[in-house]
């Protein structure tokens, strides 16, 4: 997949481009369905499949305080879109100046003249441009004059919930509630965090008998505090593990940490970048009366994790 980090990097229109536009936070199953529709249409006209997104996420620029946490940061979003088979990703730097561009100007100058759009695939609730004027009605009104087709995609419903649909908002809710096993049906994959293994407080192996990797998380969206069965990818390979997210109430130090005990693993991974896939929540975080009681519970958590991860 060719990635353009600025619209000015595009020197000439693409061949019969079929375009979709969106923030694509999470690159969830709804987004994936749109990408597949773009690819199919592009193949039918011997064209180029193109996705347009924005960085930073517009909500970071337009919402003054407390924007919702992103499901996927830019680097992961690019990786996931590439896996769908799209030909081109255009990432437009988003700022207040760009936010002031009218829908007419964005359509004519960027979509039509710069990119050469022959078809636009868009969700029925998406809009673009100043005051969100660039909706489906707007696109249809200009289609014949500017020589492109409009293809409107339907929503992907949430399994076993006829009233719901897959959305980034719903995924955030599921992850923050700790229901990571439910996120799979929305994302098409397990929810993942990334980070670097850093020095911890040196008590996992020394005090408890279970060494842990302390993760300095880079992602914004973190599952609810508690204990989880996880899988871990690092430089040394793919491993099973049990993760604890929380504040270590037994020790009363009130410091938020994400710690992972890798099963059947004793290599040194300090300083490594790792990825943690959350498979299932095991229990809430709990304060124990002493270290021995905590250590016994960790062994039970590991036993539970092994059962959950038996087929992973």
Protein backbone atom coordinates (compact mmCIF):
# COMPACT_ATOMS: atom_id res chain seq x y z
CA UNK A 1 0.00 0.00 0.00
CA UNK A 2 1.32 3.43 -0.94
CA UNK A 3 1.00 5.98 1.86
CA UNK A 4 0.88 9.74 1.22
CA UNK A 5 1.28 11.87 4.33
CA UNK A 6 0.19 15.07 2.63
CA UNK A 7 -2.12 15.81 -0.26
CA UNK A 8 0.70 17.80 -1.90
CA UNK A 9 2.73 14.60 -2.30
CA UNK A 10 0.28 13.52 -5.03
CA UNK A 11 1.75 14.71 -8.32
CA UNK A 12 -0.94 13.39 -10.68
CA UNK A 13 -4.38 11.78 -10.45
CA UNK A 14 -4.57 8.04 -9.85
CA UNK A 15 -5.92 5.58 -12.41
CA UNK A 16 -9.72 5.36 -12.05
CA UNK A 17 -9.62 5.89 -8.28
CA UNK A 18 -12.42 4.62 -6.07
CA UNK A 19 -12.27 6.61 -2.84
CA UNK A 20 -13.56 6.35 0.70
CA UNK A 21 -13.12 9.00 3.38
CA UNK A 22 -13.14 8.62 7.15
CA UNK A 23 -11.29 8.69 10.43
CA UNK A 24 -11.35 4.87 10.60
CA UNK A 25 -10.54 4.77 14.30
CA UNK A 26 -10.21 1.10 15.20
CA UNK A 27 -10.37 -0.08 11.58
CA UNK A 28 -13.29 -2.19 12.79
CA UNK A 29 -15.46 -4.61 10.82
CA UNK A 30 -17.64 -1.77 9.56
CA UNK A 31 -14.60 0.01 8.15
CA UNK A 32 -13.28 -3.25 6.72
CA UNK A 33 -16.58 -3.81 4.87
CA UNK A 34 -16.23 -0.36 3.28
CA UNK A 35 -12.65 -1.05 2.22
CA UNK A 36 -13.66 -4.35 0.65
CA UNK A 37 -16.42 -2.61 -1.27
CA UNK A 38 -13.93 0.02 -2.47
CA UNK A 39 -11.52 -2.71 -3.61
CA UNK A 40 -14.25 -4.61 -5.46
CA UNK A 41 -15.42 -1.49 -7.27
CA UNK A 42 -11.85 -0.50 -8.16
CA UNK A 43 -11.15 -3.96 -9.56
CA UNK A 44 -14.30 -3.79 -11.70
CA UNK A 45 -13.07 -0.64 -13.46
CA UNK A 46 -9.34 -1.50 -13.45
CA UNK A 47 -8.85 1.30 -10.98
CA UNK A 48 -7.11 2.21 -7.74
CA UNK A 49 -8.57 1.74 -4.27
CA UNK A 50 -7.96 4.85 -2.16
CA UNK A 51 -8.67 5.63 1.50
CA UNK A 52 -8.45 9.18 2.83
CA UNK A 53 -8.00 9.76 6.55
CA UNK A 54 -6.77 12.53 8.84
CA UNK A 55 -4.00 12.96 11.41
CA UNK A 56 -4.47 13.95 14.12
CA UNK A 57 -8.02 12.72 14.49
CA UNK A 58 -10.29 15.76 13.89
CA UNK A 59 -11.84 15.37 17.32
CA UNK A 60 -8.44 16.17 18.84
CA UNK A 61 -8.50 19.54 17.06
CA UNK A 62 -12.18 20.42 17.23
CA UNK A 63 -13.09 19.15 20.72
CA UNK A 64 -11.63 21.53 23.27
CA UNK A 65 -11.36 19.13 26.20
CA UNK A 66 -11.70 15.47 27.11
CA UNK A 67 -11.79 13.94 23.61
CA UNK A 68 -12.51 10.20 23.70
CA UNK A 69 -9.45 7.91 23.64
CA UNK A 70 -8.43 6.60 20.24
CA UNK A 71 -8.75 2.86 19.60
CA UNK A 72 -5.84 2.84 17.17
CA UNK A 73 -3.01 5.32 16.92
CA UNK A 74 -1.77 6.36 13.49
CA UNK A 75 0.92 3.68 12.99
CA UNK A 76 -1.42 0.81 13.85
CA UNK A 77 -4.21 2.29 11.75
CA UNK A 78 -1.91 2.34 8.72
CA UNK A 79 -0.91 -1.31 9.35
CA UNK A 80 -4.52 -2.45 9.63
CA UNK A 81 -5.69 -0.60 6.53
CA UNK A 82 -2.78 -2.07 4.58
CA UNK A 83 -3.90 -5.57 5.62
CA UNK A 84 -7.29 -5.03 3.95
CA UNK A 85 -5.61 -4.81 0.55
CA UNK A 86 -6.16 -1.12 -0.19
CA UNK A 87 -3.82 0.34 -2.84
CA UNK A 88 -3.41 3.85 -1.47
CA UNK A 89 -3.81 5.64 1.86
CA UNK A 90 -3.81 9.44 1.91
CA UNK A 91 -3.36 10.91 5.37
CA UNK A 92 -4.23 14.60 5.40
CA UNK A 93 -2.75 16.69 8.25
CA UNK A 94 -5.77 18.04 10.12
CA UNK A 95 -5.75 21.49 11.69
CA UNK A 96 -8.19 24.36 12.12
CA UNK A 97 -7.24 25.78 8.75
CA UNK A 98 -8.09 22.54 7.00
CA UNK A 99 -11.30 22.25 9.06
CA UNK A 100 -12.43 25.55 7.52
CA UNK A 101 -12.27 24.21 3.94
CA UNK A 102 -15.72 24.09 2.39
CA UNK A 103 -17.22 20.84 1.16
CA UNK A 104 -17.33 22.32 -2.38
CA UNK A 105 -13.62 23.08 -2.35
CA UNK A 106 -12.67 19.69 -0.85
CA UNK A 107 -14.77 17.89 -3.44
CA UNK A 108 -13.63 19.80 -6.51
CA UNK A 109 -10.01 20.63 -5.71
CA UNK A 110 -8.96 17.52 -3.80
CA UNK A 111 -11.28 14.63 -4.61
CA UNK A 112 -11.86 15.39 -8.29
CA UNK A 113 -8.88 17.41 -9.58
CA UNK A 114 -6.06 16.18 -7.34
CA UNK A 115 -7.08 12.53 -6.92
CA UNK A 116 -9.24 12.07 -10.02
CA UNK A 117 -12.09 10.32 -8.19
CA UNK A 118 -14.38 8.14 -10.32
CA UNK A 119 -16.43 6.69 -7.47
CA UNK A 120 -16.93 7.55 -3.80
CA UNK A 121 -17.88 4.84 -1.30
CA UNK A 122 -19.26 6.37 1.87
CA UNK A 123 -21.24 5.41 4.95
CA UNK A 124 -24.72 6.83 5.12
CA UNK A 125 -23.98 9.02 8.14
CA UNK A 126 -20.61 10.41 7.02
CA UNK A 127 -20.09 14.03 6.04
CA UNK A 128 -17.11 16.30 5.42
CA UNK A 129 -16.17 19.95 4.94
CA UNK A 130 -17.01 23.05 6.90
CA UNK A 131 -20.28 22.67 8.83
CA UNK A 132 -20.36 19.05 7.58
CA UNK A 133 -22.04 20.10 4.37
CA UNK A 134 -20.47 17.27 2.35
CA UNK A 135 -23.11 14.64 2.96
CA UNK A 136 -24.71 12.08 0.63
CA UNK A 137 -27.20 14.58 -0.77
CA UNK A 138 -24.39 16.99 -1.56
CA UNK A 139 -22.33 14.30 -3.28
CA UNK A 140 -25.28 13.11 -5.35
CA UNK A 141 -26.13 16.65 -6.45
CA UNK A 142 -22.62 17.12 -7.87
CA UNK A 143 -21.97 13.61 -9.20
CA UNK A 144 -23.10 14.06 -12.81
CA UNK A 145 -21.39 17.44 -13.20
CA UNK A 146 -18.06 16.24 -11.84
CA UNK A 147 -18.13 12.74 -13.30
CA UNK A 148 -18.12 10.36 -10.35
CA UNK A 149 -20.52 7.80 -8.85
CA UNK A 150 -21.72 7.67 -5.26
CA UNK A 151 -21.96 4.30 -3.52
CA UNK A 152 -23.58 4.30 -0.08
CA UNK A 153 -22.75 1.45 2.28
CA UNK A 154 -25.04 0.11 4.98
CA UNK A 155 -24.17 -0.26 8.63
CA UNK A 156 -22.79 -3.53 9.92
CA UNK A 157 -25.06 -4.69 12.79
CA UNK A 158 -23.71 -5.92 16.10
CA UNK A 159 -24.19 -9.67 16.40
CA UNK A 160 -27.24 -10.63 18.48
CA UNK A 161 -28.25 -6.98 18.75
CA UNK A 162 -30.57 -5.91 15.95
CA UNK A 163 -30.81 -2.36 17.28
CA UNK A 164 -27.08 -1.78 17.42
CA UNK A 165 -24.36 -1.27 14.86
CA UNK A 166 -20.62 -1.56 14.88
CA UNK A 167 -19.08 1.78 15.75
CA UNK A 168 -15.92 3.16 17.31
CA UNK A 169 -18.01 4.48 20.21
CA UNK A 170 -19.39 1.01 20.97
CA UNK A 171 -15.90 -0.52 20.84
CA UNK A 172 -14.58 2.04 23.34
CA UNK A 173 -17.43 1.19 25.69
CA UNK A 174 -16.81 -2.55 25.43
CA UNK A 175 -13.07 -2.24 26.08
CA UNK A 176 -13.44 0.21 28.97
CA UNK A 177 -16.04 -2.11 30.52
CA UNK A 178 -13.46 -4.91 30.40
CA UNK A 179 -15.51 -7.05 28.01
CA UNK A 180 -12.55 -7.63 25.73
CA UNK A 181 -13.91 -10.97 24.47
CA UNK A 182 -16.86 -9.05 22.97
CA UNK A 183 -14.53 -6.70 21.11
CA UNK A 184 -13.56 -9.48 18.70
CA UNK A 185 -16.99 -9.49 17.03
CA UNK A 186 -16.69 -5.71 16.49
CA UNK A 187 -13.03 -5.42 15.51
CA UNK A 188 -12.54 -8.71 13.73
CA UNK A 189 -9.49 -9.23 15.98
CA UNK A 190 -8.60 -9.08 19.66
CA UNK A 191 -8.13 -5.66 21.19
CA UNK A 192 -4.43 -4.86 21.44
CA UNK A 193 -2.20 -2.45 23.30
CA UNK A 194 1.41 -1.65 22.51
CA UNK A 195 4.24 -0.39 24.62
CA UNK A 196 7.82 -0.74 25.79
CA UNK A 197 8.87 -3.02 28.63
CA UNK A 198 10.34 -0.88 31.38
CA UNK A 199 11.80 -1.46 34.82
CA UNK A 200 9.10 -2.07 37.40
CA UNK A 201 9.18 -2.17 41.18
CA UNK A 202 11.13 -5.46 41.32
CA UNK A 203 8.61 -7.40 43.32
CA UNK A 204 6.91 -9.69 40.77
CA UNK A 205 9.66 -12.29 40.78
CA UNK A 206 11.41 -11.31 44.01
CA UNK A 207 8.38 -11.11 46.32
CA UNK A 208 5.67 -13.05 44.54
CA UNK A 209 7.55 -15.65 42.54
CA UNK A 210 6.02 -14.55 39.25
CA UNK A 211 8.23 -12.22 37.17
CA UNK A 212 6.34 -9.66 35.14
CA UNK A 213 6.97 -7.30 32.26
CA UNK A 214 5.95 -3.77 33.20
CA UNK A 215 4.58 -2.01 30.11
CA UNK A 216 4.78 1.69 29.36
CA UNK A 217 1.64 1.83 27.22
CA UNK A 218 1.52 4.10 24.17
CA UNK A 219 -2.15 3.54 23.34
CA UNK A 220 -4.89 5.82 24.63
CA UNK A 221 -7.62 3.22 25.20
CA UNK A 222 -6.95 0.87 28.10
CA UNK A 223 -9.18 -1.97 29.29
CA UNK A 224 -10.83 -1.78 32.70
CA UNK A 225 -8.66 -2.61 35.70
CA UNK A 226 -8.44 -6.31 36.43
CA UNK A 227 -6.72 -9.53 35.43
CA UNK A 228 -6.80 -10.80 31.85
CA UNK A 229 -5.71 -13.79 29.80
CA UNK A 230 -3.53 -12.38 27.01
CA UNK A 231 -1.17 -13.27 24.22
CA UNK A 232 2.05 -11.34 23.70
CA UNK A 233 4.14 -10.65 20.62
CA UNK A 234 7.71 -9.53 21.16
CA UNK A 235 11.04 -9.88 19.44
CA UNK A 236 11.48 -13.38 20.87
CA UNK A 237 8.17 -14.67 19.47
CA UNK A 238 4.52 -15.22 20.39
CA UNK A 239 3.65 -16.16 23.97
CA UNK A 240 0.70 -16.70 26.30
CA UNK A 241 0.35 -14.70 29.46
CA UNK A 242 -1.71 -13.17 32.24
CA UNK A 243 -1.90 -9.39 32.58
CA UNK A 244 -2.82 -7.23 35.53
CA UNK A 245 -4.09 -3.70 34.94
CA UNK A 246 -4.52 -1.49 37.94
CA UNK A 247 -3.11 0.05 41.09
CA UNK A 248 -1.73 -2.91 43.09
CA UNK A 249 -4.09 -2.33 46.04
CA UNK A 250 -2.37 -4.98 48.16
CA UNK A 251 0.73 -2.78 48.26
CA UNK A 252 -1.16 0.51 48.75
CA UNK A 253 1.11 2.48 46.43
CA UNK A 254 -1.72 3.72 44.15
CA UNK A 255 0.46 3.68 41.02
CA UNK A 256 -1.24 2.62 37.79
CA UNK A 257 0.59 -0.20 36.02
CA UNK A 258 0.13 -2.79 33.29
CA UNK A 259 2.11 -5.90 34.11
CA UNK A 260 2.24 -9.15 32.15
CA UNK A 261 3.49 -12.52 33.34
CA UNK A 262 4.50 -14.58 30.30
CA UNK A 263 3.85 -18.28 30.71
CA UNK A 264 6.82 -20.64 30.39
CA UNK A 265 9.17 -17.76 29.57
CA UNK A 266 12.24 -16.45 31.38
CA UNK A 267 14.13 -14.32 28.82
CA UNK A 268 15.10 -10.71 29.43
CA UNK A 269 12.83 -8.44 27.38
CA UNK A 270 13.51 -5.09 29.08
CA UNK A 271 13.48 -2.28 26.56
CA UNK A 272 11.62 -4.29 23.94
CA UNK A 273 8.50 -3.04 22.20
CA UNK A 274 5.73 -5.59 22.70
CA UNK A 275 2.10 -6.03 21.69
CA UNK A 276 -0.50 -7.49 24.04
CA UNK A 277 -3.75 -9.00 22.73
CA UNK A 278 -6.51 -9.17 25.36
CA UNK A 279 -8.37 -12.47 25.09
CA UNK A 280 -10.66 -12.60 28.14
CA UNK A 281 -11.06 -10.93 31.51
CA UNK A 282 -10.45 -13.28 34.45
CA UNK A 283 -11.42 -11.16 37.48
CA UNK A 284 -11.52 -7.74 39.11
CA UNK A 285 -8.46 -6.32 40.80
CA UNK A 286 -8.62 -7.07 44.52
CA UNK A 287 -6.80 -6.14 47.71
CA UNK A 288 -5.39 -9.14 49.57
CA UNK A 289 -4.53 -9.31 53.26
CA UNK A 290 -0.93 -10.41 52.67
CA UNK A 291 1.61 -11.31 50.00
CA UNK A 292 1.11 -15.08 50.39
CA UNK A 293 -2.60 -14.72 49.70
CA UNK A 294 -1.86 -12.60 46.63
CA UNK A 295 0.71 -15.12 45.40
CA UNK A 296 -1.80 -17.96 45.73
CA UNK A 297 -4.37 -15.97 43.76
CA UNK A 298 -1.85 -15.24 41.00
CA UNK A 299 -1.26 -18.99 40.65
CA UNK A 300 -5.03 -19.48 40.30
CA UNK A 301 -5.12 -16.71 37.69
CA UNK A 302 -2.33 -18.42 35.76
CA UNK A 303 -4.22 -21.71 35.87
CA UNK A 304 -7.34 -19.93 34.58
CA UNK A 305 -5.29 -18.23 31.89
CA UNK A 306 -3.87 -21.55 30.69
CA UNK A 307 -7.38 -22.96 30.29
CA UNK A 308 -8.64 -19.90 28.41
CA UNK A 309 -5.57 -19.87 26.17
CA UNK A 310 -5.46 -23.62 25.52
CA UNK A 311 -6.35 -23.14 21.84
CA UNK A 312 -4.19 -20.06 21.21
